[in-house]
Amino acid sequence: MTTFASPTQGGASRSLWKVEARPGAEGPVHDFDSEQVWSWVAGAATVELGGRTYTVTAGDTVVMPARTVRRVLADPGHGYTAVVTAPAGARAFGPDGAEFGVPPWIA
């Protein structure tokens, strides 16, 4: 993760960061207490969101609602790069409801 804007960097009410995933990388199953917006700028991925599956490529955007279980899997041949935004202080949770807290790239 590369953070572009966050409260710890000075005064941002939203966090903005870049995710670069290697080919075949699999993100964890989790959710957040607030909406996230993901925009893919390179590569491709499969997004599992609220029981549905989407294939995304560069130029696509997915709005991930709060309290919706999600997982992002990088394309096995290309990986992906995405730019993501969420409210500052967004808290992550496991699929069982266990709180993981505020990720450092959002804080």
PDB file of N, CA and C in Angstrom:
ATOM      1  N   MET A   1       0.841  -1.167   0.000  1.00  0.00           N
ATOM      2  CA  MET A   1       0.000   0.000   0.000  1.00  0.00           C
ATOM      3  C   MET A   1       0.893   1.239   0.000  1.00  0.00           C
ATOM      4  N   THR A   2       0.480   2.213  -0.775  1.00  0.00           N
ATOM      5  CA  THR A   2       1.135   3.513  -0.773  1.00  0.00           C
ATOM      6  C   THR A   2       0.077   4.547  -0.434  1.00  0.00           C
ATOM      7  N   THR A   3       0.216   5.232   0.690  1.00  0.00           N
ATOM      8  CA  THR A   3      -0.768   6.225   1.106  1.00  0.00           C
ATOM      9  C   THR A   3      -0.457   7.560   0.448  1.00  0.00           C
ATOM     10  N   PHE A   4      -1.484   8.144  -0.194  1.00  0.00           N
ATOM     11  CA  PHE A   4      -1.353   9.464  -0.809  1.00  0.00           C
ATOM     12  C   PHE A   4      -1.895  10.566   0.099  1.00  0.00           C
ATOM     13  N   ALA A   5      -2.959  10.263   0.860  1.00  0.00           N
ATOM     14  CA  ALA A   5      -3.567  11.246   1.765  1.00  0.00           C
ATOM     15  C   ALA A   5      -4.210  10.502   2.924  1.00  0.00           C
ATOM     16  N   SER A   6      -4.028  11.036   4.133  1.00  0.00           N
ATOM     17  CA  SER A   6      -4.655  10.474   5.331  1.00  0.00           C
ATOM     18  C   SER A   6      -4.528  11.501   6.453  1.00  0.00           C
ATOM     19  N   PRO A   7      -5.308  11.347   7.532  1.00  0.00           N
ATOM     20  CA  PRO A   7      -5.214  12.304   8.631  1.00  0.00           C
ATOM     21  C   PRO A   7      -3.805  12.405   9.221  1.00  0.00           C
ATOM     22  N   THR A   8      -3.085  11.289   9.293  1.00  0.00           N
ATOM     23  CA  THR A   8      -1.740  11.353   9.864  1.00  0.00           C
ATOM     24  C   THR A   8      -0.777  12.125   8.972  1.00  0.00           C
ATOM     25  N   GLN A   9      -1.157  12.333   7.714  1.00  0.00           N
ATOM     26  CA  GLN A   9      -0.327  13.136   6.812  1.00  0.00           C
ATOM     27  C   GLN A   9      -0.758  14.597   6.806  1.00  0.00           C
ATOM     28  N   GLY A  10      -1.846  14.887   7.541  1.00  0.00           N
ATOM     29  CA  GLY A  10      -2.223  16.282   7.696  1.00  0.00           C
ATOM     30  C   GLY A  10      -3.564  16.683   7.141  1.00  0.00           C
ATOM     31  N   GLY A  11      -4.588  16.631   7.968  1.00  0.00           N
ATOM     32  CA  GLY A  11      -5.844  17.288   7.684  1.00  0.00           C
ATOM     33  C   GLY A  11      -6.808  16.641   6.714  1.00  0.00           C
ATOM     34  N   ALA A  12      -6.560  15.457   6.232  1.00  0.00           N
ATOM     35  CA  ALA A  12      -7.464  14.840   5.257  1.00  0.00           C
ATOM     36  C   ALA A  12      -8.652  14.194   5.968  1.00  0.00           C
ATOM     37  N   SER A  13      -9.855  14.423   5.457  1.00  0.00           N
ATOM     38  CA  SER A  13     -11.033  13.753   6.008  1.00  0.00           C
ATOM     39  C   SER A  13     -11.302  12.435   5.287  1.00  0.00           C
ATOM     40  N   ARG A  14     -10.621  12.230   4.173  1.00  0.00           N
ATOM     41  CA  ARG A  14     -10.679  10.960   3.443  1.00  0.00           C
ATOM     42  C   ARG A  14      -9.253  10.470   3.252  1.00  0.00           C
ATOM     43  N   SER A  15      -9.126   9.178   3.210  1.00  0.00           N
ATOM     44  CA  SER A  15      -7.826   8.580   2.908  1.00  0.00           C
ATOM     45  C   SER A  15      -7.816   8.143   1.454  1.00  0.00           C
ATOM     46  N   LEU A  16      -6.646   8.230   0.842  1.00  0.00           N
ATOM     47  CA  LEU A  16      -6.464   7.838  -0.556  1.00  0.00           C
ATOM     48  C   LEU A  16      -5.171   7.044  -0.625  1.00  0.00           C
ATOM     49  N   TRP A  17      -5.246   5.839  -1.219  1.00  0.00           N
ATOM     50  CA  TRP A  17      -4.053   5.009  -1.293  1.00  0.00           C
ATOM     51  C   TRP A  17      -4.046   4.166  -2.560  1.00  0.00           C
ATOM     52  N   LYS A  18      -2.853   3.625  -2.852  1.00  0.00           N
ATOM     53  CA  LYS A  18      -2.666   2.773  -4.030  1.00  0.00           C
ATOM     54  C   LYS A  18      -2.387   1.353  -3.551  1.00  0.00           C
ATOM     55  N   VAL A  19      -3.037   0.390  -4.220  1.00  0.00           N
ATOM     56  CA  VAL A  19      -2.799  -1.028  -3.961  1.00  0.00           C
ATOM     57  C   VAL A  19      -2.133  -1.609  -5.200  1.00  0.00           C
ATOM     58  N   GLU A  20      -0.995  -2.250  -5.009  1.00  0.00           N
ATOM     59  CA  GLU A  20      -0.322  -2.955  -6.097  1.00  0.00           C
ATOM     60  C   GLU A  20      -0.255  -4.428  -5.709  1.00  0.00           C
ATOM     61  N   ALA A  21      -0.941  -5.278  -6.464  1.00  0.00           N
ATOM     62  CA  ALA A  21      -0.995  -6.704  -6.148  1.00  0.00           C
ATOM     63  C   ALA A  21      -0.261  -7.510  -7.211  1.00  0.00           C
ATOM     64  N   ARG A  22       0.593  -8.389  -6.753  1.00  0.00           N
ATOM     65  CA  ARG A  22       1.323  -9.281  -7.662  1.00  0.00           C
ATOM     66  C   ARG A  22       0.358 -10.257  -8.333  1.00  0.00           C
ATOM     67  N   PRO A  23       0.744 -10.804  -9.476  1.00  0.00           N
ATOM     68  CA  PRO A  23      -0.097 -11.810 -10.126  1.00  0.00           C
ATOM     69  C   PRO A  23      -0.447 -12.946  -9.154  1.00  0.00           C
ATOM     70  N   GLY A  24      -1.732 -13.264  -9.093  1.00  0.00           N
ATOM     71  CA  GLY A  24      -2.204 -14.358  -8.255  1.00  0.00           C
ATOM     72  C   GLY A  24      -2.378 -14.039  -6.785  1.00  0.00           C
ATOM     73  N   ALA A  25      -2.069 -12.814  -6.354  1.00  0.00           N
ATOM     74  CA  ALA A  25      -2.227 -12.451  -4.939  1.00  0.00           C
ATOM     75  C   ALA A  25      -3.701 -12.518  -4.547  1.00  0.00           C
ATOM     76  N   GLU A  26      -3.961 -12.973  -3.324  1.00  0.00           N
ATOM     77  CA  GLU A  26      -5.328 -13.093  -2.823  1.00  0.00           C
ATOM     78  C   GLU A  26      -5.471 -12.287  -1.543  1.00  0.00           C
ATOM     79  N   GLY A  27      -6.345 -11.289  -1.566  1.00  0.00           N
ATOM     80  CA  GLY A  27      -6.603 -10.504  -0.371  1.00  0.00           C
ATOM     81  C   GLY A  27      -7.456 -11.283   0.613  1.00  0.00           C
ATOM     82  N   PRO A  28      -7.500 -10.838   1.871  1.00  0.00           N
ATOM     83  CA  PRO A  28      -8.288 -11.536   2.886  1.00  0.00           C
ATOM     84  C   PRO A  28      -9.781 -11.263   2.737  1.00  0.00           C
ATOM     85  N   VAL A  29     -10.594 -12.169   3.248  1.00  0.00           N
ATOM     86  CA  VAL A  29     -12.036 -11.938   3.349  1.00  0.00           C
ATOM     87  C   VAL A  29     -12.235 -11.000   4.537  1.00  0.00           C
ATOM     88  N   HIS A  30     -12.915  -9.867   4.313  1.00  0.00           N
ATOM     89  CA  HIS A  30     -13.092  -8.871   5.367  1.00  0.00           C
ATOM     90  C   HIS A  30     -14.204  -7.908   4.978  1.00  0.00           C
ATOM     91  N   ASP A  31     -14.497  -6.955   5.863  1.00  0.00           N
ATOM     92  CA  ASP A  31     -15.376  -5.844   5.510  1.00  0.00           C
ATOM     93  C   ASP A  31     -14.930  -4.602   6.266  1.00  0.00           C
ATOM     94  N   PHE A  32     -15.580  -3.489   5.958  1.00  0.00           N
ATOM     95  CA  PHE A  32     -15.279  -2.210   6.594  1.00  0.00           C
ATOM     96  C   PHE A  32     -16.567  -1.589   7.100  1.00  0.00           C
ATOM     97  N   ASP A  33     -16.433  -0.674   8.060  1.00  0.00           N
ATOM     98  CA  ASP A  33     -17.606   0.008   8.598  1.00  0.00           C
ATOM     99  C   ASP A  33     -18.010   1.223   7.770  1.00  0.00           C
ATOM    100  N   SER A  34     -17.339   1.437   6.644  1.00  0.00           N
ATOM    101  CA  SER A  34     -17.690   2.553   5.759  1.00  0.00           C
ATOM    102  C   SER A  34     -17.396   2.170   4.312  1.00  0.00           C
ATOM    103  N   GLU A  35     -17.988   2.929   3.419  1.00  0.00           N
ATOM    104  CA  GLU A  35     -17.838   2.686   1.981  1.00  0.00           C
ATOM    105  C   GLU A  35     -16.398   2.887   1.524  1.00  0.00           C
ATOM    106  N   GLN A  36     -15.994   2.074   0.557  1.00  0.00           N
ATOM    107  CA  GLN A  36     -14.721   2.264  -0.139  1.00  0.00           C
ATOM    108  C   GLN A  36     -15.012   2.341  -1.630  1.00  0.00           C
ATOM    109  N   VAL A  37     -14.205   3.129  -2.338  1.00  0.00           N
ATOM    110  CA  VAL A  37     -14.298   3.203  -3.801  1.00  0.00           C
ATOM    111  C   VAL A  37     -12.944   2.788  -4.358  1.00  0.00           C
ATOM    112  N   TRP A  38     -12.956   1.742  -5.171  1.00  0.00           N
ATOM    113  CA  TRP A  38     -11.752   1.202  -5.807  1.00  0.00           C
ATOM    114  C   TRP A  38     -11.798   1.516  -7.287  1.00  0.00           C
ATOM    115  N   SER A  39     -10.711   2.061  -7.833  1.00  0.00           N
ATOM    116  CA  SER A  39     -10.587   2.308  -9.279  1.00  0.00           C
ATOM    117  C   SER A  39      -9.314   1.624  -9.767  1.00  0.00           C
ATOM    118  N   TRP A  40      -9.477   0.721 -10.730  1.00  0.00           N
ATOM    119  CA  TRP A  40      -8.336  -0.018 -11.268  1.00  0.00           C
ATOM    120  C   TRP A  40      -7.659   0.793 -12.356  1.00  0.00           C
ATOM    121  N   VAL A  41      -6.331   0.924 -12.245  1.00  0.00           N
ATOM    122  CA  VAL A  41      -5.565   1.697 -13.229  1.00  0.00           C
ATOM    123  C   VAL A  41      -4.670   0.810 -14.085  1.00  0.00           C
ATOM    124  N   ALA A  42      -4.475  -0.444 -13.670  1.00  0.00           N
ATOM    125  CA  ALA A  42      -3.676  -1.389 -14.461  1.00  0.00           C
ATOM    126  C   ALA A  42      -4.048  -2.808 -14.053  1.00  0.00           C
ATOM    127  N   GLY A  43      -3.885  -3.743 -14.972  1.00  0.00           N
ATOM    128  CA  GLY A  43      -4.108  -5.148 -14.677  1.00  0.00           C
ATOM    129  C   GLY A  43      -5.574  -5.511 -14.569  1.00  0.00           C
ATOM    130  N   ALA A  44      -5.837  -6.571 -13.807  1.00  0.00           N
ATOM    131  CA  ALA A  44      -7.199  -7.089 -13.673  1.00  0.00           C
ATOM    132  C   ALA A  44      -7.329  -7.823 -12.344  1.00  0.00           C
ATOM    133  N   ALA A  45      -8.572  -8.009 -11.911  1.00  0.00           N
ATOM    134  CA  ALA A  45      -8.830  -8.692 -10.645  1.00  0.00           C
ATOM    135  C   ALA A  45     -10.226  -9.296 -10.663  1.00  0.00           C
ATOM    136  N   THR A  46     -10.446 -10.198  -9.727  1.00  0.00           N
ATOM    137  CA  THR A  46     -11.776 -10.708  -9.425  1.00  0.00           C
ATOM    138  C   THR A  46     -12.160 -10.136  -8.074  1.00  0.00           C
ATOM    139  N   VAL A  47     -13.339  -9.533  -7.996  1.00  0.00           N
ATOM    140  CA  VAL A  47     -13.826  -8.957  -6.748  1.00  0.00           C
ATOM    141  C   VAL A  47     -15.008  -9.792  -6.277  1.00  0.00           C
ATOM    142  N   GLU A  48     -14.891 -10.343  -5.082  1.00  0.00           N
ATOM    143  CA  GLU A  48     -16.003 -11.027  -4.428  1.00  0.00           C
ATOM    144  C   GLU A  48     -16.603 -10.018  -3.458  1.00  0.00           C
ATOM    145  N   LEU A  49     -17.863  -9.667  -3.671  1.00  0.00           N
ATOM    146  CA  LEU A  49     -18.482  -8.578  -2.913  1.00  0.00           C
ATOM    147  C   LEU A  49     -19.927  -8.927  -2.595  1.00  0.00           C
ATOM    148  N   GLY A  50     -20.216  -9.111  -1.315  1.00  0.00           N
ATOM    149  CA  GLY A  50     -21.582  -9.372  -0.902  1.00  0.00           C
ATOM    150  C   GLY A  50     -22.203 -10.595  -1.546  1.00  0.00           C
ATOM    151  N   GLY A  51     -21.408 -11.637  -1.756  1.00  0.00           N
ATOM    152  CA  GLY A  51     -21.932 -12.866  -2.341  1.00  0.00           C
ATOM    153  C   GLY A  51     -21.965 -12.894  -3.855  1.00  0.00           C
ATOM    154  N   ARG A  52     -21.526 -11.828  -4.497  1.00  0.00           N
ATOM    155  CA  ARG A  52     -21.457 -11.774  -5.964  1.00  0.00           C
ATOM    156  C   ARG A  52     -20.000 -11.675  -6.385  1.00  0.00           C
ATOM    157  N   THR A  53     -19.727 -12.042  -7.633  1.00  0.00           N
ATOM    158  CA  THR A  53     -18.368 -12.015  -8.160  1.00  0.00           C
ATOM    159  C   THR A  53     -18.323 -11.140  -9.397  1.00  0.00           C
ATOM    160  N   TYR A  54     -17.314 -10.263  -9.458  1.00  0.00           N
ATOM    161  CA  TYR A  54     -17.147  -9.338 -10.575  1.00  0.00           C
ATOM    162  C   TYR A  54     -15.726  -9.459 -11.116  1.00  0.00           C
ATOM    163  N   THR A  55     -15.581  -9.360 -12.417  1.00  0.00           N
ATOM    164  CA  THR A  55     -14.272  -9.281 -13.048  1.00  0.00           C
ATOM    165  C   THR A  55     -14.036  -7.826 -13.418  1.00  0.00           C
ATOM    166  N   VAL A  56     -12.905  -7.273 -12.999  1.00  0.00           N
ATOM    167  CA  VAL A  56     -12.604  -5.865 -13.261  1.00  0.00           C
ATOM    168  C   VAL A  56     -11.258  -5.753 -13.962  1.00  0.00           C
ATOM    169  N   THR A  57     -11.125  -4.706 -14.767  1.00  0.00           N
ATOM    170  CA  THR A  57      -9.877  -4.423 -15.473  1.00  0.00           C
ATOM    171  C   THR A  57      -9.597  -2.927 -15.377  1.00  0.00           C
ATOM    172  N   ALA A  58      -8.443  -2.515 -15.876  1.00  0.00           N
ATOM    173  CA  ALA A  58      -8.071  -1.101 -15.854  1.00  0.00           C
ATOM    174  C   ALA A  58      -9.206  -0.255 -16.424  1.00  0.00           C
ATOM    175  N   GLY A  59      -9.552   0.811 -15.712  1.00  0.00           N
ATOM    176  CA  GLY A  59     -10.638   1.697 -16.115  1.00  0.00           C
ATOM    177  C   GLY A  59     -11.935   1.431 -15.371  1.00  0.00           C
ATOM    178  N   ASP A  60     -12.039   0.292 -14.684  1.00  0.00           N
ATOM    179  CA  ASP A  60     -13.256  -0.040 -13.932  1.00  0.00           C
ATOM    180  C   ASP A  60     -13.189   0.524 -12.517  1.00  0.00           C
ATOM    181  N   THR A  61     -14.364   0.835 -11.966  1.00  0.00           N
ATOM    182  CA  THR A  61     -14.498   1.301 -10.588  1.00  0.00           C
ATOM    183  C   THR A  61     -15.567   0.475  -9.900  1.00  0.00           C
ATOM    184  N   VAL A  62     -15.312   0.106  -8.649  1.00  0.00           N
ATOM    185  CA  VAL A  62     -16.275  -0.631  -7.840  1.00  0.00           C
ATOM    186  C   VAL A  62     -16.491   0.143  -6.546  1.00  0.00           C
ATOM    187  N   VAL A  63     -17.751   0.428  -6.230  1.00  0.00           N
ATOM    188  CA  VAL A  63     -18.112   1.028  -4.951  1.00  0.00           C
ATOM    189  C   VAL A  63     -18.454  -0.127  -4.012  1.00  0.00           C
ATOM    190  N   MET A  64     -17.691  -0.252  -2.941  1.00  0.00           N
ATOM    191  CA  MET A  64     -17.893  -1.328  -1.976  1.00  0.00           C
ATOM    192  C   MET A  64     -18.620  -0.759  -0.768  1.00  0.00           C
ATOM    193  N   PRO A  65     -19.903  -1.103  -0.605  1.00  0.00           N
ATOM    194  CA  PRO A  65     -20.680  -0.548   0.500  1.00  0.00           C
ATOM    195  C   PRO A  65     -20.127  -0.958   1.868  1.00  0.00           C
ATOM    196  N   ALA A  66     -20.427  -0.148   2.867  1.00  0.00           N
ATOM    197  CA  ALA A  66     -20.064  -0.478   4.241  1.00  0.00           C
ATOM    198  C   ALA A  66     -20.724  -1.792   4.641  1.00  0.00           C
ATOM    199  N   ARG A  67     -20.045  -2.505   5.537  1.00  0.00           N
ATOM    200  CA  ARG A  67     -20.571  -3.747   6.124  1.00  0.00           C
ATOM    201  C   ARG A  67     -20.963  -4.779   5.072  1.00  0.00           C
ATOM    202  N   THR A  68     -20.167  -4.847   4.014  1.00  0.00           N
ATOM    203  CA  THR A  68     -20.367  -5.838   2.955  1.00  0.00           C
ATOM    204  C   THR A  68     -19.070  -6.628   2.821  1.00  0.00           C
ATOM    205  N   VAL A  69     -19.147  -7.925   3.060  1.00  0.00           N
ATOM    206  CA  VAL A  69     -17.952  -8.770   3.002  1.00  0.00           C
ATOM    207  C   VAL A  69     -17.388  -8.746   1.596  1.00  0.00           C
ATOM    208  N   ARG A  70     -16.052  -8.619   1.530  1.00  0.00           N
ATOM    209  CA  ARG A  70     -15.386  -8.520   0.236  1.00  0.00           C
ATOM    210  C   ARG A  70     -14.046  -9.221   0.259  1.00  0.00           C
ATOM    211  N   ARG A  71     -13.580  -9.503  -0.954  1.00  0.00           N
ATOM    212  CA  ARG A  71     -12.245 -10.069  -1.162  1.00  0.00           C
ATOM    213  C   ARG A  71     -11.829  -9.708  -2.574  1.00  0.00           C
ATOM    214  N   VAL A  72     -10.556  -9.352  -2.753  1.00  0.00           N
ATOM    215  CA  VAL A  72     -10.039  -8.999  -4.079  1.00  0.00           C
ATOM    216  C   VAL A  72      -8.907  -9.967  -4.410  1.00  0.00           C
ATOM    217  N   LEU A  73      -9.018 -10.590  -5.587  1.00  0.00           N
ATOM    218  CA  LEU A  73      -8.024 -11.555  -6.045  1.00  0.00           C
ATOM    219  C   LEU A  73      -7.383 -11.034  -7.323  1.00  0.00           C
ATOM    220  N   ALA A  74      -6.075 -10.931  -7.321  1.00  0.00           N
ATOM    221  CA  ALA A  74      -5.356 -10.405  -8.483  1.00  0.00           C
ATOM    222  C   ALA A  74      -5.377 -11.404  -9.631  1.00  0.00           C
ATOM    223  N   ASP A  75      -5.446 -10.881 -10.844  1.00  0.00           N
ATOM    224  CA  ASP A  75      -5.355 -11.704 -12.044  1.00  0.00           C
ATOM    225  C   ASP A  75      -4.072 -12.537 -11.970  1.00  0.00           C
ATOM    226  N   PRO A  76      -4.155 -13.846 -12.262  1.00  0.00           N
ATOM    227  CA  PRO A  76      -2.964 -14.689 -12.136  1.00  0.00           C
ATOM    228  C   PRO A  76      -1.842 -14.351 -13.115  1.00  0.00           C
ATOM    229  N   GLY A  77      -2.172 -13.704 -14.217  1.00  0.00           N
ATOM    230  CA  GLY A  77      -1.143 -13.387 -15.199  1.00  0.00           C
ATOM    231  C   GLY A  77      -0.585 -11.982 -15.111  1.00  0.00           C
ATOM    232  N   HIS A  78      -1.370 -11.060 -14.546  1.00  0.00           N
ATOM    233  CA  HIS A  78      -0.975  -9.652 -14.610  1.00  0.00           C
ATOM    234  C   HIS A  78      -0.966  -8.914 -13.280  1.00  0.00           C
ATOM    235  N   GLY A  79      -1.663  -9.408 -12.266  1.00  0.00           N
ATOM    236  CA  GLY A  79      -1.802  -8.629 -11.047  1.00  0.00           C
ATOM    237  C   GLY A  79      -2.637  -7.391 -11.317  1.00  0.00           C
ATOM    238  N   TYR A  80      -2.569  -6.404 -10.433  1.00  0.00           N
ATOM    239  CA  TYR A  80      -3.322  -5.165 -10.656  1.00  0.00           C
ATOM    240  C   TYR A  80      -2.739  -4.021  -9.848  1.00  0.00           C
ATOM    241  N   THR A  81      -3.100  -2.822 -10.270  1.00  0.00           N
ATOM    242  CA  THR A  81      -2.873  -1.599  -9.504  1.00  0.00           C
ATOM    243  C   THR A  81      -4.213  -0.890  -9.414  1.00  0.00           C
ATOM    244  N   ALA A  82      -4.590  -0.494  -8.196  1.00  0.00           N
ATOM    245  CA  ALA A  82      -5.845   0.222  -7.984  1.00  0.00           C
ATOM    246  C   ALA A  82      -5.597   1.404  -7.057  1.00  0.00           C
ATOM    247  N   VAL A  83      -6.399   2.445  -7.220  1.00  0.00           N
ATOM    248  CA  VAL A  83      -6.403   3.585  -6.313  1.00  0.00           C
ATOM    249  C   VAL A  83      -7.708   3.506  -5.536  1.00  0.00           C
ATOM    250  N   VAL A  84      -7.611   3.651  -4.208  1.00  0.00           N
ATOM    251  CA  VAL A  84      -8.755   3.425  -3.330  1.00  0.00           C
ATOM    252  C   VAL A  84      -8.945   4.630  -2.419  1.00  0.00           C
ATOM    253  N   THR A  85     -10.213   4.945  -2.126  1.00  0.00           N
ATOM    254  CA  THR A  85     -10.507   5.994  -1.156  1.00  0.00           C
ATOM    255  C   THR A  85     -11.588   5.514  -0.196  1.00  0.00           C
ATOM    256  N   ALA A  86     -11.494   6.008   1.040  1.00  0.00           N
ATOM    257  CA  ALA A  86     -12.462   5.703   2.090  1.00  0.00           C
ATOM    258  C   ALA A  86     -12.393   6.823   3.119  1.00  0.00           C
ATOM    259  N   PRO A  87     -13.437   6.958   3.942  1.00  0.00           N
ATOM    260  CA  PRO A  87     -13.367   7.952   5.003  1.00  0.00           C
ATOM    261  C   PRO A  87     -12.196   7.658   5.944  1.00  0.00           C
ATOM    262  N   ALA A  88     -11.562   8.701   6.413  1.00  0.00           N
ATOM    263  CA  ALA A  88     -10.483   8.538   7.384  1.00  0.00           C
ATOM    264  C   ALA A  88     -11.016   7.797   8.605  1.00  0.00           C
ATOM    265  N   GLY A  89     -10.213   6.910   9.137  1.00  0.00           N
ATOM    266  CA  GLY A  89     -10.610   6.184  10.339  1.00  0.00           C
ATOM    267  C   GLY A  89     -11.487   4.979  10.090  1.00  0.00           C
ATOM    268  N   ALA A  90     -11.680   4.576   8.834  1.00  0.00           N
ATOM    269  CA  ALA A  90     -12.500   3.399   8.528  1.00  0.00           C
ATOM    270  C   ALA A  90     -11.916   2.175   9.226  1.00  0.00           C
ATOM    271  N   ARG A  91     -12.785   1.388   9.850  1.00  0.00           N
ATOM    272  CA  ARG A  91     -12.355   0.226  10.623  1.00  0.00           C
ATOM    273  C   ARG A  91     -12.642  -1.059   9.855  1.00  0.00           C
ATOM    274  N   ALA A  92     -11.671  -1.976   9.900  1.00  0.00           N
ATOM    275  CA  ALA A  92     -11.794  -3.262   9.215  1.00  0.00           C
ATOM    276  C   ALA A  92     -12.264  -4.342  10.188  1.00  0.00           C
ATOM    277  N   PHE A  93     -12.991  -5.320   9.644  1.00  0.00           N
ATOM    278  CA  PHE A  93     -13.521  -6.435  10.427  1.00  0.00           C
ATOM    279  C   PHE A  93     -13.323  -7.737   9.665  1.00  0.00           C
ATOM    280  N   GLY A  94     -13.170  -8.820  10.400  1.00  0.00           N
ATOM    281  CA  GLY A  94     -13.110 -10.137   9.781  1.00  0.00           C
ATOM    282  C   GLY A  94     -14.506 -10.608   9.429  1.00  0.00           C
ATOM    283  N   PRO A  95     -14.615 -11.691   8.665  1.00  0.00           N
ATOM    284  CA  PRO A  95     -15.933 -12.189   8.269  1.00  0.00           C
ATOM    285  C   PRO A  95     -16.770 -12.654   9.463  1.00  0.00           C
ATOM    286  N   ASP A  96     -16.109 -12.925  10.596  1.00  0.00           N
ATOM    287  CA  ASP A  96     -16.821 -13.335  11.806  1.00  0.00           C
ATOM    288  C   ASP A  96     -17.179 -12.147  12.697  1.00  0.00           C
ATOM    289  N   GLY A  97     -16.870 -10.929  12.235  1.00  0.00           N
ATOM    290  CA  GLY A  97     -17.174  -9.725  13.000  1.00  0.00           C
ATOM    291  C   GLY A  97     -16.054  -9.255  13.908  1.00  0.00           C
ATOM    292  N   ALA A  98     -14.961 -10.015  13.986  1.00  0.00           N
ATOM    293  CA  ALA A  98     -13.830  -9.596  14.819  1.00  0.00           C
ATOM    294  C   ALA A  98     -13.229  -8.308  14.264  1.00  0.00           C
ATOM    295  N   GLU A  99     -13.019  -7.332  15.135  1.00  0.00           N
ATOM    296  CA  GLU A  99     -12.493  -6.041  14.683  1.00  0.00           C
ATOM    297  C   GLU A  99     -10.979  -6.091  14.530  1.00  0.00           C
ATOM    298  N   PHE A 100     -10.501  -5.643  13.365  1.00  0.00           N
ATOM    299  CA  PHE A 100      -9.068  -5.543  13.100  1.00  0.00           C
ATOM    300  C   PHE A 100      -8.552  -4.133  13.373  1.00  0.00           C
ATOM    301  N   GLY A 101      -9.453  -3.156  13.484  1.00  0.00           N
ATOM    302  CA  GLY A 101      -9.044  -1.784  13.725  1.00  0.00           C
ATOM    303  C   GLY A 101      -8.868  -0.994  12.437  1.00  0.00           C
ATOM    304  N   VAL A 102      -8.210   0.155  12.560  1.00  0.00           N
ATOM    305  CA  VAL A 102      -7.979   1.047  11.420  1.00  0.00           C
ATOM    306  C   VAL A 102      -6.646   0.674  10.775  1.00  0.00           C
ATOM    307  N   PRO A 103      -6.655   0.268   9.512  1.00  0.00           N
ATOM    308  CA  PRO A 103      -5.387  -0.053   8.846  1.00  0.00           C
ATOM    309  C   PRO A 103      -4.483   1.181   8.788  1.00  0.00           C
ATOM    310  N   PRO A 104      -3.169   0.996   8.861  1.00  0.00           N
ATOM    311  CA  PRO A 104      -2.255   2.141   8.887  1.00  0.00           C
ATOM    312  C   PRO A 104      -2.331   3.031   7.650  1.00  0.00           C
ATOM    313  N   TRP A 105      -2.704   2.486   6.497  1.00  0.00           N
ATOM    314  CA  TRP A 105      -2.779   3.310   5.289  1.00  0.00           C
ATOM    315  C   TRP A 105      -4.036   4.178   5.265  1.00  0.00           C
ATOM    316  N   ILE A 106      -4.965   3.957   6.200  1.00  0.00           N
ATOM    317  CA  ILE A 106      -6.183   4.769   6.299  1.00  0.00           C
ATOM    318  C   ILE A 106      -6.075   5.762   7.450  1.00  0.00           C
ATOM    319  N   ALA A 107      -5.276   5.434   8.462  1.00  0.00           N
ATOM    320  CA  ALA A 107      -5.189   6.239   9.692  1.00  0.00           C
ATOM    321  C   ALA A 107      -4.649   7.634   9.422  1.00  0.00           C
TER     322      ALA A 107
END
